[in-house]
Amino acid sequence: MEHLNHTNHNLSTGQLAIELVPVIMITTGVTSIMAAKAYQMIRRANSEGRVMEKVQSIND
């Protein structure tokens, strides 16, 4: 079994960018899911508001 010593491991800017690609992909996915959920919530609130306005106009 090998034990690797990472104290002498240097990353260049390019290597760091490559290492961060999975993290960037995950955060992009989470952000898009959050945006889709927010859009869905806004559409639902708008439709519920329209229904409430119709009910109110019928009762008036």
N, C-alpha and C. Protein backbone atom coordinates (compact mmCIF):
# COMPACT_ATOMS: atom_id res chain seq x y z
N MET A 1 0.84 -1.18 0.00
CA MET A 1 0.00 0.00 0.00
C MET A 1 0.89 1.24 0.00
N GLU A 2 0.58 2.16 -0.88
CA GLU A 2 1.36 3.39 -0.97
C GLU A 2 0.67 4.50 -0.21
N HIS A 3 1.44 5.26 0.49
CA HIS A 3 0.94 6.47 1.14
C HIS A 3 1.55 7.64 0.40
N LEU A 4 0.69 8.45 -0.19
CA LEU A 4 1.19 9.55 -0.99
C LEU A 4 1.35 10.79 -0.13
N ASN A 5 2.45 11.47 -0.35
CA ASN A 5 2.72 12.71 0.36
C ASN A 5 2.41 13.86 -0.58
N HIS A 6 1.45 14.67 -0.24
CA HIS A 6 1.01 15.75 -1.11
C HIS A 6 1.65 17.09 -0.78
N THR A 7 2.63 17.11 0.07
CA THR A 7 3.22 18.39 0.46
C THR A 7 4.00 19.02 -0.69
N ASN A 8 4.53 18.23 -1.60
CA ASN A 8 5.30 18.77 -2.71
C ASN A 8 4.48 18.89 -3.99
N HIS A 9 3.19 18.74 -3.89
CA HIS A 9 2.32 18.77 -5.07
C HIS A 9 1.90 20.22 -5.34
N ASN A 10 2.31 20.74 -6.47
CA ASN A 10 1.95 22.10 -6.85
C ASN A 10 0.95 22.06 -8.00
N LEU A 11 -0.04 22.92 -7.94
CA LEU A 11 -1.04 23.03 -9.00
C LEU A 11 -0.86 24.35 -9.73
N SER A 12 -0.83 24.27 -11.04
CA SER A 12 -0.85 25.51 -11.81
C SER A 12 -2.29 25.98 -11.91
N THR A 13 -2.48 27.17 -12.43
CA THR A 13 -3.83 27.70 -12.59
C THR A 13 -4.66 26.82 -13.52
N GLY A 14 -4.05 26.36 -14.60
CA GLY A 14 -4.76 25.48 -15.53
C GLY A 14 -5.14 24.16 -14.90
N GLN A 15 -4.22 23.57 -14.14
CA GLN A 15 -4.52 22.31 -13.47
C GLN A 15 -5.62 22.49 -12.44
N LEU A 16 -5.60 23.61 -11.74
CA LEU A 16 -6.64 23.89 -10.76
C LEU A 16 -8.00 24.00 -11.44
N ALA A 17 -8.02 24.67 -12.59
CA ALA A 17 -9.28 24.80 -13.33
C ALA A 17 -9.81 23.44 -13.74
N ILE A 18 -8.93 22.56 -14.19
CA ILE A 18 -9.35 21.21 -14.58
C ILE A 18 -9.86 20.44 -13.36
N GLU A 19 -9.20 20.59 -12.23
CA GLU A 19 -9.62 19.89 -11.01
C GLU A 19 -10.98 20.37 -10.53
N LEU A 20 -11.32 21.62 -10.81
CA LEU A 20 -12.58 22.19 -10.33
C LEU A 20 -13.76 21.95 -11.26
N VAL A 21 -13.55 21.34 -12.41
CA VAL A 21 -14.64 21.11 -13.36
C VAL A 21 -15.80 20.33 -12.73
N PRO A 22 -15.57 19.24 -11.99
CA PRO A 22 -16.71 18.54 -11.38
C PRO A 22 -17.50 19.42 -10.41
N VAL A 23 -16.79 20.23 -9.65
CA VAL A 23 -17.46 21.13 -8.70
C VAL A 23 -18.30 22.15 -9.46
N ILE A 24 -17.76 22.68 -10.53
CA ILE A 24 -18.49 23.67 -11.33
C ILE A 24 -19.73 23.03 -11.95
N MET A 25 -19.60 21.80 -12.42
CA MET A 25 -20.75 21.11 -13.01
C MET A 25 -21.85 20.88 -11.98
N ILE A 26 -21.47 20.49 -10.78
CA ILE A 26 -22.46 20.26 -9.73
C ILE A 26 -23.15 21.56 -9.35
N THR A 27 -22.38 22.63 -9.17
CA THR A 27 -23.00 23.90 -8.77
C THR A 27 -23.90 24.44 -9.88
N THR A 28 -23.52 24.22 -11.13
CA THR A 28 -24.36 24.65 -12.25
C THR A 28 -25.68 23.88 -12.23
N GLY A 29 -25.61 22.60 -11.98
CA GLY A 29 -26.82 21.79 -11.91
C GLY A 29 -27.73 22.21 -10.78
N VAL A 30 -27.15 22.46 -9.61
CA VAL A 30 -27.95 22.90 -8.46
C VAL A 30 -28.59 24.25 -8.74
N THR A 31 -27.83 25.16 -9.35
CA THR A 31 -28.37 26.48 -9.67
C THR A 31 -29.52 26.38 -10.65
N SER A 32 -29.38 25.53 -11.66
CA SER A 32 -30.47 25.40 -12.64
C SER A 32 -31.70 24.77 -12.01
N ILE A 33 -31.52 23.83 -11.10
CA ILE A 33 -32.66 23.24 -10.40
C ILE A 33 -33.36 24.29 -9.54
N MET A 34 -32.57 25.12 -8.85
CA MET A 34 -33.16 26.17 -8.03
C MET A 34 -33.92 27.18 -8.88
N ALA A 35 -33.37 27.53 -10.03
CA ALA A 35 -34.05 28.48 -10.93
C ALA A 35 -35.35 27.89 -11.46
N ALA A 36 -35.32 26.62 -11.82
CA ALA A 36 -36.54 25.97 -12.32
C ALA A 36 -37.60 25.91 -11.23
N LYS A 37 -37.19 25.63 -10.02
CA LYS A 37 -38.14 25.56 -8.91
C LYS A 37 -38.73 26.94 -8.64
N ALA A 38 -37.91 27.98 -8.67
CA ALA A 38 -38.40 29.34 -8.45
C ALA A 38 -39.39 29.72 -9.55
N TYR A 39 -39.08 29.39 -10.78
CA TYR A 39 -39.98 29.68 -11.91
C TYR A 39 -41.32 28.96 -11.71
N GLN A 40 -41.25 27.72 -11.29
CA GLN A 40 -42.47 26.94 -11.05
C GLN A 40 -43.30 27.57 -9.93
N MET A 41 -42.66 28.01 -8.87
CA MET A 41 -43.37 28.63 -7.75
C MET A 41 -44.03 29.94 -8.18
N ILE A 42 -43.34 30.73 -9.00
CA ILE A 42 -43.90 31.99 -9.48
C ILE A 42 -45.10 31.74 -10.36
N ARG A 43 -45.00 30.77 -11.27
CA ARG A 43 -46.15 30.44 -12.14
C ARG A 43 -47.34 29.96 -11.32
N ARG A 44 -47.07 29.15 -10.32
CA ARG A 44 -48.16 28.65 -9.47
C ARG A 44 -48.81 29.80 -8.70
N ALA A 45 -48.00 30.70 -8.16
CA ALA A 45 -48.55 31.84 -7.42
C ALA A 45 -49.38 32.73 -8.34
N ASN A 46 -48.91 32.94 -9.56
CA ASN A 46 -49.67 33.75 -10.52
C ASN A 46 -51.00 33.10 -10.86
N SER A 47 -50.99 31.79 -11.09
CA SER A 47 -52.24 31.11 -11.44
C SER A 47 -53.21 31.11 -10.26
N GLU A 48 -52.69 30.93 -9.06
CA GLU A 48 -53.56 30.97 -7.88
C GLU A 48 -54.13 32.37 -7.68
N GLY A 49 -53.32 33.38 -7.97
CA GLY A 49 -53.80 34.76 -7.88
C GLY A 49 -54.92 35.03 -8.87
N ARG A 50 -54.78 34.50 -10.09
CA ARG A 50 -55.84 34.67 -11.09
C ARG A 50 -57.13 33.99 -10.65
N VAL A 51 -57.01 32.81 -10.08
CA VAL A 51 -58.19 32.10 -9.60
C VAL A 51 -58.86 32.90 -8.49
N MET A 52 -58.08 33.43 -7.58
CA MET A 52 -58.64 34.23 -6.49
C MET A 52 -59.35 35.47 -7.02
N GLU A 53 -58.77 36.10 -8.05
CA GLU A 53 -59.41 37.27 -8.65
C GLU A 53 -60.73 36.90 -9.30
N LYS A 54 -60.78 35.76 -9.99
CA LYS A 54 -62.02 35.31 -10.62
C LYS A 54 -63.10 35.03 -9.57
N VAL A 55 -62.71 34.36 -8.50
CA VAL A 55 -63.67 34.05 -7.43
C VAL A 55 -64.19 35.34 -6.81
N GLN A 56 -63.29 36.28 -6.59
CA GLN A 56 -63.69 37.55 -6.00
C GLN A 56 -64.64 38.31 -6.94
N SER A 57 -64.35 38.29 -8.24
CA SER A 57 -65.22 39.00 -9.18
C SER A 57 -66.58 38.33 -9.29
N ILE A 58 -66.63 37.01 -9.14
CA ILE A 58 -67.91 36.30 -9.16
C ILE A 58 -68.73 36.66 -7.92
N ASN A 59 -68.07 36.77 -6.78
CA ASN A 59 -68.76 37.08 -5.53
C ASN A 59 -69.18 38.54 -5.42
N ASP A 60 -68.61 39.39 -6.25
CA ASP A 60 -68.97 40.83 -6.18
C ASP A 60 -70.24 41.13 -6.91
